[in-house]
Amino acid sequence: MDKIKEKLKKSYFIANKIYLYLIFVFLALEDLSLGFYYFLISLFIYGWKTLRSKVPIEVSKEFENKTFVYKRTKNRDLKLDLWLPFKPNEKNPLVFFCHGGGWISGFRNQPNNVSWCKYLASRGFAVISIDYRYGYRNTMEDILSDYTDALNYVKKNYKKLSIDKNKIILMGLSAGGHLSLLYSTYHTNQKNKKEMKGIKGVVAYYSPTDLNDIFISENKSIFARFATKQTLKGSPIEKEEIYDFYSPINWISKDMIPCLIVHGKMDTTVPFKSSVKFVKALKNYQIKYTFLVHRKGGHSFDTKLKDISTVNTLERTVRFIRKTINQ
């Protein structure tokens, strides 16, 4: 029975919420206004869940954040938020945090990201949460340049931001984890010491490490495929070299920094297999790593589930950051 449930959860019908669409069509055929109201109610419920999405560990203390413009582009100013610990000092170890959203959505201060920032700040870390341009009108190279410019801004202005530029952890969720892994694997592979100076480790939650995996038969997510095609401007067949170039797994070397890889086995957006492959590659190169698996977790389980396994994952993430940043 459990295996049947797992297969059902990962099915095309459930992964893409086709059942919601069918309900809408049925109601609209029956009564157009009824279908319209169903659509509005569904939209409200989705928005409400998104706004209430947060990590399951409550933070009682209030934290103030400051916003800075780190880069000006033709169409918008790119910003970052700084969250400092409750008792900050002149040199706070930093978690450089990057949001997810398939490179085409999401923003630095949406509720799930804010909850992560508050949680990490409550554990004694400074946190920088960044925005970047989306893959609709921009390329992956543009997005990576934003990521790099934000990191360089932080290093350059470390005194003003009250951070220790020699104690930095890169962290990201989903697409943000991909950017963090790609930045670190590429620059360690190419021995770019300047770019990697001060960066001690990487934390990646349910992140694609081989972009070709988004298109394997087991992965049923329409959104993941659309977002990847949109950002890389084509399919893996049309843009094989581009997909390989922007896949972190292809840049792993013996110089890679320690990694914490986190993934839920029930993920229907980014295949769990992608993290398994990446961890095996890290092991082959004898890189220090920790691999945390949530047996029942799907995509974004860290802010959707409140079970003991999720809480334990968050606490182990903090322990990894603390240990790695002080090595």
C-alpha atoms as a PDB file:
ATOM      1  CA  MET A   1       0.000   0.000   0.000  1.00  0.00           C
ATOM      2  CA  ASP A   2       2.843   2.426   0.865  1.00  0.00           C
ATOM      3  CA  LYS A   3       4.494   1.801  -2.505  1.00  0.00           C
ATOM      4  CA  ILE A   4       1.219   2.522  -4.279  1.00  0.00           C
ATOM      5  CA  LYS A   5       0.854   5.777  -2.338  1.00  0.00           C
ATOM      6  CA  GLU A   6       4.418   6.789  -3.251  1.00  0.00           C
ATOM      7  CA  LYS A   7       3.820   6.102  -6.950  1.00  0.00           C
ATOM      8  CA  LEU A   8       0.544   8.045  -6.831  1.00  0.00           C
ATOM      9  CA  LYS A   9       2.198  11.068  -5.190  1.00  0.00           C
ATOM     10  CA  LYS A  10       4.888  11.088  -7.882  1.00  0.00           C
ATOM     11  CA  SER A  11       2.427  10.599 -10.734  1.00  0.00           C
ATOM     12  CA  TYR A  12       1.889  13.191 -13.456  1.00  0.00           C
ATOM     13  CA  PHE A  13      -1.708  13.626 -12.284  1.00  0.00           C
ATOM     14  CA  ILE A  14      -0.768  14.534  -8.698  1.00  0.00           C
ATOM     15  CA  ALA A  15       2.615  16.235  -9.277  1.00  0.00           C
ATOM     16  CA  ASN A  16       1.092  18.808 -11.608  1.00  0.00           C
ATOM     17  CA  LYS A  17      -2.217  19.052  -9.697  1.00  0.00           C
ATOM     18  CA  ILE A  18      -4.197  18.080 -12.796  1.00  0.00           C
ATOM     19  CA  TYR A  19      -7.077  17.064 -10.520  1.00  0.00           C
ATOM     20  CA  LEU A  20      -7.574  20.732  -9.571  1.00  0.00           C
ATOM     21  CA  TYR A  21      -7.805  21.680 -13.231  1.00  0.00           C
ATOM     22  CA  LEU A  22     -10.333  18.914 -13.920  1.00  0.00           C
ATOM     23  CA  ILE A  23     -12.494  20.112 -11.035  1.00  0.00           C
ATOM     24  CA  PHE A  24     -12.383  23.636 -12.466  1.00  0.00           C
ATOM     25  CA  VAL A  25     -13.380  22.405 -15.947  1.00  0.00           C
ATOM     26  CA  PHE A  26     -16.231  20.325 -14.545  1.00  0.00           C
ATOM     27  CA  LEU A  27     -17.598  23.213 -12.468  1.00  0.00           C
ATOM     28  CA  ALA A  28     -17.178  25.706 -15.325  1.00  0.00           C
ATOM     29  CA  LEU A  29     -19.134  23.440 -17.664  1.00  0.00           C
ATOM     30  CA  GLU A  30     -21.817  23.058 -15.046  1.00  0.00           C
ATOM     31  CA  ASP A  31     -21.907  26.739 -14.125  1.00  0.00           C
ATOM     32  CA  LEU A  32     -19.404  29.325 -15.377  1.00  0.00           C
ATOM     33  CA  SER A  33     -19.732  31.513 -12.272  1.00  0.00           C
ATOM     34  CA  LEU A  34     -19.248  28.464 -10.044  1.00  0.00           C
ATOM     35  CA  GLY A  35     -15.994  27.647 -11.881  1.00  0.00           C
ATOM     36  CA  PHE A  36     -14.868  31.254 -11.511  1.00  0.00           C
ATOM     37  CA  TYR A  37     -15.511  31.202  -7.743  1.00  0.00           C
ATOM     38  CA  TYR A  38     -13.631  27.897  -7.455  1.00  0.00           C
ATOM     39  CA  PHE A  39     -10.679  29.501  -9.242  1.00  0.00           C
ATOM     40  CA  LEU A  40     -10.688  32.479  -6.842  1.00  0.00           C
ATOM     41  CA  ILE A  41     -10.958  30.239  -3.781  1.00  0.00           C
ATOM     42  CA  SER A  42      -8.107  28.016  -5.036  1.00  0.00           C
ATOM     43  CA  LEU A  43      -5.991  31.112  -5.672  1.00  0.00           C
ATOM     44  CA  PHE A  44      -6.727  32.390  -2.159  1.00  0.00           C
ATOM     45  CA  ILE A  45      -5.833  29.064  -0.547  1.00  0.00           C
ATOM     46  CA  TYR A  46      -2.568  28.872  -2.525  1.00  0.00           C
ATOM     47  CA  GLY A  47      -1.668  32.455  -1.555  1.00  0.00           C
ATOM     48  CA  TRP A  48      -2.564  31.830   2.080  1.00  0.00           C
ATOM     49  CA  LYS A  49      -0.383  28.713   2.236  1.00  0.00           C
ATOM     50  CA  THR A  50       2.495  30.590   0.608  1.00  0.00           C
ATOM     51  CA  LEU A  51       2.238  33.477   3.058  1.00  0.00           C
ATOM     52  CA  ARG A  52       2.162  31.095   6.026  1.00  0.00           C
ATOM     53  CA  SER A  53       5.010  28.937   4.758  1.00  0.00           C
ATOM     54  CA  LYS A  54       7.913  28.886   7.220  1.00  0.00           C
ATOM     55  CA  VAL A  55      10.386  26.610   8.958  1.00  0.00           C
ATOM     56  CA  PRO A  56       8.846  24.603  11.831  1.00  0.00           C
ATOM     57  CA  ILE A  57      11.115  26.016  14.538  1.00  0.00           C
ATOM     58  CA  GLU A  58       9.572  29.132  16.049  1.00  0.00           C
ATOM     59  CA  VAL A  59      11.823  32.136  16.680  1.00  0.00           C
ATOM     60  CA  SER A  60      10.497  34.227  19.560  1.00  0.00           C
ATOM     61  CA  LYS A  61      12.953  37.118  19.231  1.00  0.00           C
ATOM     62  CA  GLU A  62      12.346  39.941  16.792  1.00  0.00           C
ATOM     63  CA  PHE A  63      15.056  40.661  14.241  1.00  0.00           C
ATOM     64  CA  GLU A  64      15.377  43.818  12.226  1.00  0.00           C
ATOM     65  CA  ASN A  65      16.706  43.594   8.709  1.00  0.00           C
ATOM     66  CA  LYS A  66      18.310  46.211   6.514  1.00  0.00           C
ATOM     67  CA  THR A  67      18.003  46.397   2.731  1.00  0.00           C
ATOM     68  CA  PHE A  68      20.791  47.397   0.351  1.00  0.00           C
ATOM     69  CA  VAL A  69      20.988  47.825  -3.411  1.00  0.00           C
ATOM     70  CA  TYR A  70      23.930  45.748  -4.581  1.00  0.00           C
ATOM     71  CA  LYS A  71      23.507  46.252  -8.335  1.00  0.00           C
ATOM     72  CA  ARG A  72      21.619  48.498 -10.743  1.00  0.00           C
ATOM     73  CA  THR A  73      20.462  47.020 -14.040  1.00  0.00           C
ATOM     74  CA  LYS A  74      18.559  48.541 -16.944  1.00  0.00           C
ATOM     75  CA  ASN A  75      15.177  47.334 -15.720  1.00  0.00           C
ATOM     76  CA  ARG A  76      15.496  47.118 -11.938  1.00  0.00           C
ATOM     77  CA  ASP A  77      17.622  47.595  -8.851  1.00  0.00           C
ATOM     78  CA  LEU A  78      18.787  44.310  -7.354  1.00  0.00           C
ATOM     79  CA  LYS A  79      18.606  44.213  -3.569  1.00  0.00           C
ATOM     80  CA  LEU A  80      19.747  42.145  -0.650  1.00  0.00           C
ATOM     81  CA  ASP A  81      18.536  41.956   2.939  1.00  0.00           C
ATOM     82  CA  LEU A  82      20.880  41.776   5.923  1.00  0.00           C
ATOM     83  CA  TRP A  83      19.762  39.945   9.062  1.00  0.00           C
ATOM     84  CA  LEU A  84      22.056  40.198  12.072  1.00  0.00           C
ATOM     85  CA  PRO A  85      22.041  38.008  15.212  1.00  0.00           C
ATOM     86  CA  PHE A  86      20.280  39.211  18.351  1.00  0.00           C
ATOM     87  CA  LYS A  87      23.652  40.161  19.841  1.00  0.00           C
ATOM     88  CA  PRO A  88      25.774  41.112  16.825  1.00  0.00           C
ATOM     89  CA  ASN A  89      29.456  41.951  16.948  1.00  0.00           C
ATOM     90  CA  GLU A  90      31.794  43.550  14.425  1.00  0.00           C
ATOM     91  CA  LYS A  91      32.524  40.226  12.713  1.00  0.00           C
ATOM     92  CA  ASN A  92      29.563  37.883  12.425  1.00  0.00           C
ATOM     93  CA  PRO A  93      29.934  34.627  10.465  1.00  0.00           C
ATOM     94  CA  LEU A  94      27.764  34.843   7.353  1.00  0.00           C
ATOM     95  CA  VAL A  95      25.240  32.618   5.608  1.00  0.00           C
ATOM     96  CA  PHE A  96      24.851  33.904   2.043  1.00  0.00           C
ATOM     97  CA  PHE A  97      21.286  32.819   1.235  1.00  0.00           C
ATOM     98  CA  CYS A  98      19.770  32.404  -2.241  1.00  0.00           C
ATOM     99  CA  HIS A  99      16.048  31.748  -2.861  1.00  0.00           C
ATOM    100  CA  GLY A 100      14.503  29.165  -5.163  1.00  0.00           C
ATOM    101  CA  GLY A 101      11.742  29.382  -7.749  1.00  0.00           C
ATOM    102  CA  GLY A 102      13.123  27.632 -10.820  1.00  0.00           C
ATOM    103  CA  TRP A 103      15.224  30.715 -11.725  1.00  0.00           C
ATOM    104  CA  ILE A 104      11.980  32.340 -12.975  1.00  0.00           C
ATOM    105  CA  SER A 105      10.146  33.203  -9.749  1.00  0.00           C
ATOM    106  CA  GLY A 106      10.556  33.821  -6.019  1.00  0.00           C
ATOM    107  CA  PHE A 107      12.077  36.721  -4.130  1.00  0.00           C
ATOM    108  CA  ARG A 108      14.433  37.293  -1.237  1.00  0.00           C
ATOM    109  CA  ASN A 109      11.828  38.336   1.349  1.00  0.00           C
ATOM    110  CA  GLN A 110       8.970  35.932   0.730  1.00  0.00           C
ATOM    111  CA  PRO A 111       7.770  34.234   3.966  1.00  0.00           C
ATOM    112  CA  ASN A 112       9.652  30.927   3.680  1.00  0.00           C
ATOM    113  CA  ASN A 113      12.952  32.726   3.033  1.00  0.00           C
ATOM    114  CA  VAL A 114      12.363  35.218   5.848  1.00  0.00           C
ATOM    115  CA  SER A 115      11.670  32.356   8.254  1.00  0.00           C
ATOM    116  CA  TRP A 116      15.002  30.778   7.292  1.00  0.00           C
ATOM    117  CA  CYS A 117      16.813  34.105   7.798  1.00  0.00           C
ATOM    118  CA  LYS A 118      15.270  34.604  11.243  1.00  0.00           C
ATOM    119  CA  TYR A 119      16.027  31.032  12.244  1.00  0.00           C
ATOM    120  CA  LEU A 120      19.686  31.283  11.218  1.00  0.00           C
ATOM    121  CA  ALA A 121      20.049  34.713  12.843  1.00  0.00           C
ATOM    122  CA  SER A 122      18.628  33.272  16.077  1.00  0.00           C
ATOM    123  CA  ARG A 123      21.464  30.739  16.002  1.00  0.00           C
ATOM    124  CA  GLY A 124      24.142  33.444  15.886  1.00  0.00           C
ATOM    125  CA  PHE A 125      24.765  33.942  12.160  1.00  0.00           C
ATOM    126  CA  ALA A 126      24.475  37.014  10.001  1.00  0.00           C
ATOM    127  CA  VAL A 127      22.348  36.232   6.943  1.00  0.00           C
ATOM    128  CA  ILE A 128      22.324  37.930   3.554  1.00  0.00           C
ATOM    129  CA  SER A 129      19.289  37.084   1.383  1.00  0.00           C
ATOM    130  CA  ILE A 130      19.555  38.157  -2.255  1.00  0.00           C
ATOM    131  CA  ASP A 131      17.359  38.793  -5.273  1.00  0.00           C
ATOM    132  CA  TYR A 132      18.499  38.129  -8.845  1.00  0.00           C
ATOM    133  CA  ARG A 133      17.113  38.543 -12.349  1.00  0.00           C
ATOM    134  CA  TYR A 134      14.761  35.907 -13.726  1.00  0.00           C
ATOM    135  CA  GLY A 135      15.264  33.521 -16.620  1.00  0.00           C
ATOM    136  CA  TYR A 136      12.348  34.882 -18.664  1.00  0.00           C
ATOM    137  CA  ARG A 137      14.296  37.697 -20.287  1.00  0.00           C
ATOM    138  CA  ASN A 138      17.739  36.803 -18.998  1.00  0.00           C
ATOM    139  CA  THR A 139      20.203  33.947 -19.333  1.00  0.00           C
ATOM    140  CA  MET A 140      21.744  31.675 -16.727  1.00  0.00           C
ATOM    141  CA  GLU A 141      24.950  33.651 -17.223  1.00  0.00           C
ATOM    142  CA  ASP A 142      23.082  36.844 -16.257  1.00  0.00           C
ATOM    143  CA  ILE A 143      21.720  35.183 -13.129  1.00  0.00           C
ATOM    144  CA  LEU A 144      25.177  33.916 -12.176  1.00  0.00           C
ATOM    145  CA  SER A 145      26.637  37.387 -12.678  1.00  0.00           C
ATOM    146  CA  ASP A 146      24.017  38.743 -10.242  1.00  0.00           C
ATOM    147  CA  TYR A 147      24.926  36.040  -7.725  1.00  0.00           C
ATOM    148  CA  THR A 148      28.624  36.869  -8.096  1.00  0.00           C
ATOM    149  CA  ASP A 149      28.077  40.633  -7.880  1.00  0.00           C
ATOM    150  CA  ALA A 150      26.006  40.241  -4.710  1.00  0.00           C
ATOM    151  CA  LEU A 151      28.731  38.133  -3.118  1.00  0.00           C
ATOM    152  CA  ASN A 152      31.426  40.609  -4.161  1.00  0.00           C
ATOM    153  CA  TYR A 153      29.357  43.489  -2.751  1.00  0.00           C
ATOM    154  CA  VAL A 154      29.169  41.685   0.577  1.00  0.00           C
ATOM    155  CA  LYS A 155      32.902  41.011   0.672  1.00  0.00           C
ATOM    156  CA  LYS A 156      33.728  44.604  -0.291  1.00  0.00           C
ATOM    157  CA  ASN A 157      31.363  46.111   2.294  1.00  0.00           C
ATOM    158  CA  TYR A 158      31.988  43.623   5.089  1.00  0.00           C
ATOM    159  CA  LYS A 159      32.718  46.317   7.675  1.00  0.00           C
ATOM    160  CA  LYS A 160      29.495  48.224   6.999  1.00  0.00           C
ATOM    161  CA  LEU A 161      27.554  44.943   7.085  1.00  0.00           C
ATOM    162  CA  SER A 162      29.277  43.725  10.291  1.00  0.00           C
ATOM    163  CA  ILE A 163      30.272  40.371   8.824  1.00  0.00           C
ATOM    164  CA  ASP A 164      33.398  38.259   8.839  1.00  0.00           C
ATOM    165  CA  LYS A 165      34.422  38.019   5.173  1.00  0.00           C
ATOM    166  CA  ASN A 166      36.594  35.006   6.020  1.00  0.00           C
ATOM    167  CA  LYS A 167      33.714  32.943   7.423  1.00  0.00           C
ATOM    168  CA  ILE A 168      31.086  32.557   4.703  1.00  0.00           C
ATOM    169  CA  ILE A 169      28.708  29.686   3.958  1.00  0.00           C
ATOM    170  CA  LEU A 170      26.827  29.638   0.642  1.00  0.00           C
ATOM    171  CA  MET A 171      23.262  28.381   1.053  1.00  0.00           C
ATOM    172  CA  GLY A 172      20.327  28.001  -1.308  1.00  0.00           C
ATOM    173  CA  LEU A 173      16.961  26.355  -1.768  1.00  0.00           C
ATOM    174  CA  SER A 174      16.225  24.540  -5.039  1.00  0.00           C
ATOM    175  CA  ALA A 175      17.387  26.872  -7.869  1.00  0.00           C
ATOM    176  CA  GLY A 176      19.240  28.930  -5.250  1.00  0.00           C
ATOM    177  CA  GLY A 177      21.081  25.810  -4.124  1.00  0.00           C
ATOM    178  CA  HIS A 178      21.978  25.110  -7.743  1.00  0.00           C
ATOM    179  CA  LEU A 179      23.553  28.579  -8.048  1.00  0.00           C
ATOM    180  CA  SER A 180      25.478  28.061  -4.802  1.00  0.00           C
ATOM    181  CA  LEU A 181      26.789  24.677  -5.912  1.00  0.00           C
ATOM    182  CA  LEU A 182      27.619  25.884  -9.411  1.00  0.00           C
ATOM    183  CA  TYR A 183      29.537  28.906  -8.130  1.00  0.00           C
ATOM    184  CA  SER A 184      31.606  26.810  -5.719  1.00  0.00           C
ATOM    185  CA  THR A 185      32.236  23.779  -7.944  1.00  0.00           C
ATOM    186  CA  TYR A 186      33.237  25.915 -10.927  1.00  0.00           C
ATOM    187  CA  HIS A 187      35.614  28.226  -9.067  1.00  0.00           C
ATOM    188  CA  THR A 188      37.269  25.436  -7.068  1.00  0.00           C
ATOM    189  CA  ASN A 189      37.677  23.426 -10.277  1.00  0.00           C
ATOM    190  CA  GLN A 190      39.254  26.410 -12.021  1.00  0.00           C
ATOM    191  CA  LYS A 191      41.378  27.202  -8.936  1.00  0.00           C
ATOM    192  CA  ASN A 192      39.987  30.746  -8.732  1.00  0.00           C
ATOM    193  CA  LYS A 193      41.244  31.490  -5.238  1.00  0.00           C
ATOM    194  CA  LYS A 194      40.075  35.108  -5.231  1.00  0.00           C
ATOM    195  CA  GLU A 195      36.447  34.136  -5.897  1.00  0.00           C
ATOM    196  CA  MET A 196      36.548  31.410  -3.220  1.00  0.00           C
ATOM    197  CA  LYS A 197      38.383  33.395  -0.564  1.00  0.00           C
ATOM    198  CA  GLY A 198      36.562  33.201   2.767  1.00  0.00           C
ATOM    199  CA  ILE A 199      33.964  30.659   1.582  1.00  0.00           C
ATOM    200  CA  LYS A 200      34.042  27.634   3.877  1.00  0.00           C
ATOM    201  CA  GLY A 201      31.171  25.430   2.685  1.00  0.00           C
ATOM    202  CA  VAL A 202      27.875  25.019   0.822  1.00  0.00           C
ATOM    203  CA  VAL A 203      24.367  24.090   1.951  1.00  0.00           C
ATOM    204  CA  ALA A 204      21.963  23.010  -0.825  1.00  0.00           C
ATOM    205  CA  TYR A 205      18.345  22.003  -0.216  1.00  0.00           C
ATOM    206  CA  TYR A 206      16.603  19.888  -2.921  1.00  0.00           C
ATOM    207  CA  SER A 207      18.738  21.399  -5.686  1.00  0.00           C
ATOM    208  CA  PRO A 208      19.292  20.160  -9.247  1.00  0.00           C
ATOM    209  CA  THR A 209      22.932  19.190  -9.703  1.00  0.00           C
ATOM    210  CA  ASP A 210      22.636  17.696 -13.198  1.00  0.00           C
ATOM    211  CA  LEU A 211      20.151  19.809 -15.159  1.00  0.00           C
ATOM    212  CA  ASN A 212      19.471  16.907 -17.521  1.00  0.00           C
ATOM    213  CA  ASP A 213      17.808  15.104 -14.598  1.00  0.00           C
ATOM    214  CA  ILE A 214      14.878  17.529 -14.757  1.00  0.00           C
ATOM    215  CA  PHE A 215      13.850  15.733 -17.959  1.00  0.00           C
ATOM    216  CA  ILE A 216      14.137  12.107 -16.873  1.00  0.00           C
ATOM    217  CA  SER A 217      10.945  10.031 -17.165  1.00  0.00           C
ATOM    218  CA  GLU A 218      10.518   9.727 -13.388  1.00  0.00           C
ATOM    219  CA  ASN A 219      10.236  13.514 -13.054  1.00  0.00           C
ATOM    220  CA  LYS A 220       6.708  14.635 -13.876  1.00  0.00           C
ATOM    221  CA  SER A 221       6.877  18.359 -13.036  1.00  0.00           C
ATOM    222  CA  ILE A 222       5.700  20.588 -15.903  1.00  0.00           C
ATOM    223  CA  PHE A 223       6.878  23.661 -13.988  1.00  0.00           C
ATOM    224  CA  ALA A 224      10.444  22.337 -13.547  1.00  0.00           C
ATOM    225  CA  ARG A 225      10.768  21.499 -17.239  1.00  0.00           C
ATOM    226  CA  PHE A 226       9.281  24.812 -18.357  1.00  0.00           C
ATOM    227  CA  ALA A 227      11.496  26.841 -15.984  1.00  0.00           C
ATOM    228  CA  THR A 228      14.666  25.035 -17.046  1.00  0.00           C
ATOM    229  CA  LYS A 229      13.893  25.362 -20.763  1.00  0.00           C
ATOM    230  CA  GLN A 230      13.031  29.035 -20.294  1.00  0.00           C
ATOM    231  CA  THR A 231      16.271  29.832 -18.471  1.00  0.00           C
ATOM    232  CA  LEU A 232      18.579  27.774 -20.699  1.00  0.00           C
ATOM    233  CA  LYS A 233      16.667  28.802 -23.840  1.00  0.00           C
ATOM    234  CA  GLY A 234      15.956  25.315 -25.051  1.00  0.00           C
ATOM    235  CA  SER A 235      15.709  21.607 -24.238  1.00  0.00           C
ATOM    236  CA  PRO A 236      18.651  19.351 -23.282  1.00  0.00           C
ATOM    237  CA  ILE A 237      18.614  17.942 -26.823  1.00  0.00           C
ATOM    238  CA  GLU A 238      18.845  21.408 -28.394  1.00  0.00           C
ATOM    239  CA  LYS A 239      21.313  22.821 -25.842  1.00  0.00           C
ATOM    240  CA  GLU A 240      23.299  19.786 -24.698  1.00  0.00           C
ATOM    241  CA  GLU A 241      26.552  21.693 -24.088  1.00  0.00           C
ATOM    242  CA  ILE A 242      24.743  24.469 -22.196  1.00  0.00           C
ATOM    243  CA  TYR A 243      23.007  21.961 -19.894  1.00  0.00           C
ATOM    244  CA  ASP A 244      26.291  20.210 -19.180  1.00  0.00           C
ATOM    245  CA  PHE A 245      28.147  23.481 -18.600  1.00  0.00           C
ATOM    246  CA  TYR A 246      25.660  24.746 -16.014  1.00  0.00           C
ATOM    247  CA  SER A 247      25.403  21.440 -14.129  1.00  0.00           C
ATOM    248  CA  PRO A 248      27.453  21.580 -10.890  1.00  0.00           C
ATOM    249  CA  ILE A 249      28.135  17.837 -10.976  1.00  0.00           C
ATOM    250  CA  ASN A 250      30.394  18.318 -14.014  1.00  0.00           C
ATOM    251  CA  TRP A 251      32.684  20.741 -12.153  1.00  0.00           C
ATOM    252  CA  ILE A 252      33.415  18.738  -9.000  1.00  0.00           C
ATOM    253  CA  SER A 253      37.125  18.439  -8.289  1.00  0.00           C
ATOM    254  CA  LYS A 254      39.399  17.449  -5.442  1.00  0.00           C
ATOM    255  CA  ASP A 255      39.450  21.093  -4.319  1.00  0.00           C
ATOM    256  CA  MET A 256      35.689  21.342  -3.687  1.00  0.00           C
ATOM    257  CA  ILE A 257      34.703  22.727  -0.271  1.00  0.00           C
ATOM    258  CA  PRO A 258      32.541  20.777   2.253  1.00  0.00           C
ATOM    259  CA  CYS A 259      28.880  20.313   1.295  1.00  0.00           C
ATOM    260  CA  LEU A 260      25.607  19.690   3.074  1.00  0.00           C
ATOM    261  CA  ILE A 261      23.109  18.179   0.624  1.00  0.00           C
ATOM    262  CA  VAL A 262      19.454  17.905   1.725  1.00  0.00           C
ATOM    263  CA  HIS A 263      16.650  16.268  -0.247  1.00  0.00           C
ATOM    264  CA  GLY A 264      13.260  14.629   0.233  1.00  0.00           C
ATOM    265  CA  LYS A 265      12.711  11.217  -1.365  1.00  0.00           C
ATOM    266  CA  MET A 266       9.186  12.227  -2.440  1.00  0.00           C
ATOM    267  CA  ASP A 267      10.305  15.288  -4.401  1.00  0.00           C
ATOM    268  CA  THR A 268       8.335  15.601  -7.655  1.00  0.00           C
ATOM    269  CA  THR A 269       9.998  18.846  -8.804  1.00  0.00           C
ATOM    270  CA  VAL A 270      13.718  18.090  -8.569  1.00  0.00           C
ATOM    271  CA  PRO A 271      14.516  14.354  -8.720  1.00  0.00           C
ATOM    272  CA  PHE A 272      16.000  12.895  -5.542  1.00  0.00           C
ATOM    273  CA  LYS A 273      18.315  10.980  -7.877  1.00  0.00           C
ATOM    274  CA  SER A 274      20.093  14.244  -8.735  1.00  0.00           C
ATOM    275  CA  SER A 275      21.369  14.638  -5.171  1.00  0.00           C
ATOM    276  CA  VAL A 276      22.295  10.951  -4.920  1.00  0.00           C
ATOM    277  CA  LYS A 277      24.494  11.270  -8.017  1.00  0.00           C
ATOM    278  CA  PHE A 278      26.112  14.431  -6.678  1.00  0.00           C
ATOM    279  CA  VAL A 279      26.911  12.862  -3.305  1.00  0.00           C
ATOM    280  CA  LYS A 280      28.483   9.840  -5.025  1.00  0.00           C
ATOM    281  CA  ALA A 281      30.691  12.194  -7.038  1.00  0.00           C
ATOM    282  CA  LEU A 282      31.715  14.035  -3.860  1.00  0.00           C
ATOM    283  CA  LYS A 283      32.600  10.712  -2.270  1.00  0.00           C
ATOM    284  CA  ASN A 284      34.676   9.691  -5.285  1.00  0.00           C
ATOM    285  CA  TYR A 285      36.719  12.875  -4.933  1.00  0.00           C
ATOM    286  CA  GLN A 286      36.951  12.398  -1.146  1.00  0.00           C
ATOM    287  CA  ILE A 287      35.206  15.710  -0.439  1.00  0.00           C
ATOM    288  CA  LYS A 288      33.750  16.222   3.028  1.00  0.00           C
ATOM    289  CA  TYR A 289      29.975  16.061   2.836  1.00  0.00           C
ATOM    290  CA  THR A 290      26.805  15.377   4.813  1.00  0.00           C
ATOM    291  CA  PHE A 291      23.728  13.996   3.081  1.00  0.00           C
ATOM    292  CA  LEU A 292      20.397  14.440   4.863  1.00  0.00           C
ATOM    293  CA  VAL A 293      17.383  12.601   3.464  1.00  0.00           C
ATOM    294  CA  HIS A 294      13.760  13.135   4.458  1.00  0.00           C
ATOM    295  CA  ARG A 295      12.025   9.859   3.651  1.00  0.00           C
ATOM    296  CA  LYS A 296       8.573  11.434   3.260  1.00  0.00           C
ATOM    297  CA  GLY A 297       9.616  14.933   2.217  1.00  0.00           C
ATOM    298  CA  GLY A 298       8.646  16.533  -1.062  1.00  0.00           C
ATOM    299  CA  HIS A 299       9.932  19.738  -2.618  1.00  0.00           C
ATOM    300  CA  SER A 300      10.121  22.584  -0.059  1.00  0.00           C
ATOM    301  CA  PHE A 301       9.440  20.128   2.779  1.00  0.00           C
ATOM    302  CA  ASP A 302      11.460  22.341   5.143  1.00  0.00           C
ATOM    303  CA  THR A 303       8.660  24.926   5.263  1.00  0.00           C
ATOM    304  CA  LYS A 304       5.691  22.628   4.622  1.00  0.00           C
ATOM    305  CA  LEU A 305       6.232  19.846   7.165  1.00  0.00           C
ATOM    306  CA  LYS A 306       6.466  20.159  10.931  1.00  0.00           C
ATOM    307  CA  ASP A 307       7.491  16.617  11.843  1.00  0.00           C
ATOM    308  CA  ILE A 308      10.485  15.653  13.976  1.00  0.00           C
ATOM    309  CA  SER A 309      12.520  14.658  10.917  1.00  0.00           C
ATOM    310  CA  THR A 310      12.191  18.180   9.464  1.00  0.00           C
ATOM    311  CA  VAL A 311      13.093  19.798  12.792  1.00  0.00           C
ATOM    312  CA  ASN A 312      16.102  17.495  13.116  1.00  0.00           C
ATOM    313  CA  THR A 313      17.197  18.420   9.569  1.00  0.00           C
ATOM    314  CA  LEU A 314      17.150  22.129  10.445  1.00  0.00           C
ATOM    315  CA  GLU A 315      19.128  21.575  13.640  1.00  0.00           C
ATOM    316  CA  ARG A 316      21.709  19.450  11.829  1.00  0.00           C
ATOM    317  CA  THR A 317      22.003  22.189   9.195  1.00  0.00           C
ATOM    318  CA  VAL A 318      22.980  24.677  11.903  1.00  0.00           C
ATOM    319  CA  ARG A 319      25.501  22.213  13.359  1.00  0.00           C
ATOM    320  CA  PHE A 320      27.042  21.703   9.909  1.00  0.00           C
ATOM    321  CA  ILE A 321      27.332  25.472   9.352  1.00  0.00           C
ATOM    322  CA  ARG A 322      28.839  26.083  12.774  1.00  0.00           C
ATOM    323  CA  LYS A 323      31.373  23.270  12.446  1.00  0.00           C
ATOM    324  CA  THR A 324      32.346  24.084   8.844  1.00  0.00           C
ATOM    325  CA  ILE A 325      32.643  27.822   9.315  1.00  0.00           C
ATOM    326  CA  ASN A 326      35.128  27.371  12.157  1.00  0.00           C
ATOM    327  CA  GLN A 327      37.416  24.886  10.405  1.00  0.00           C
END
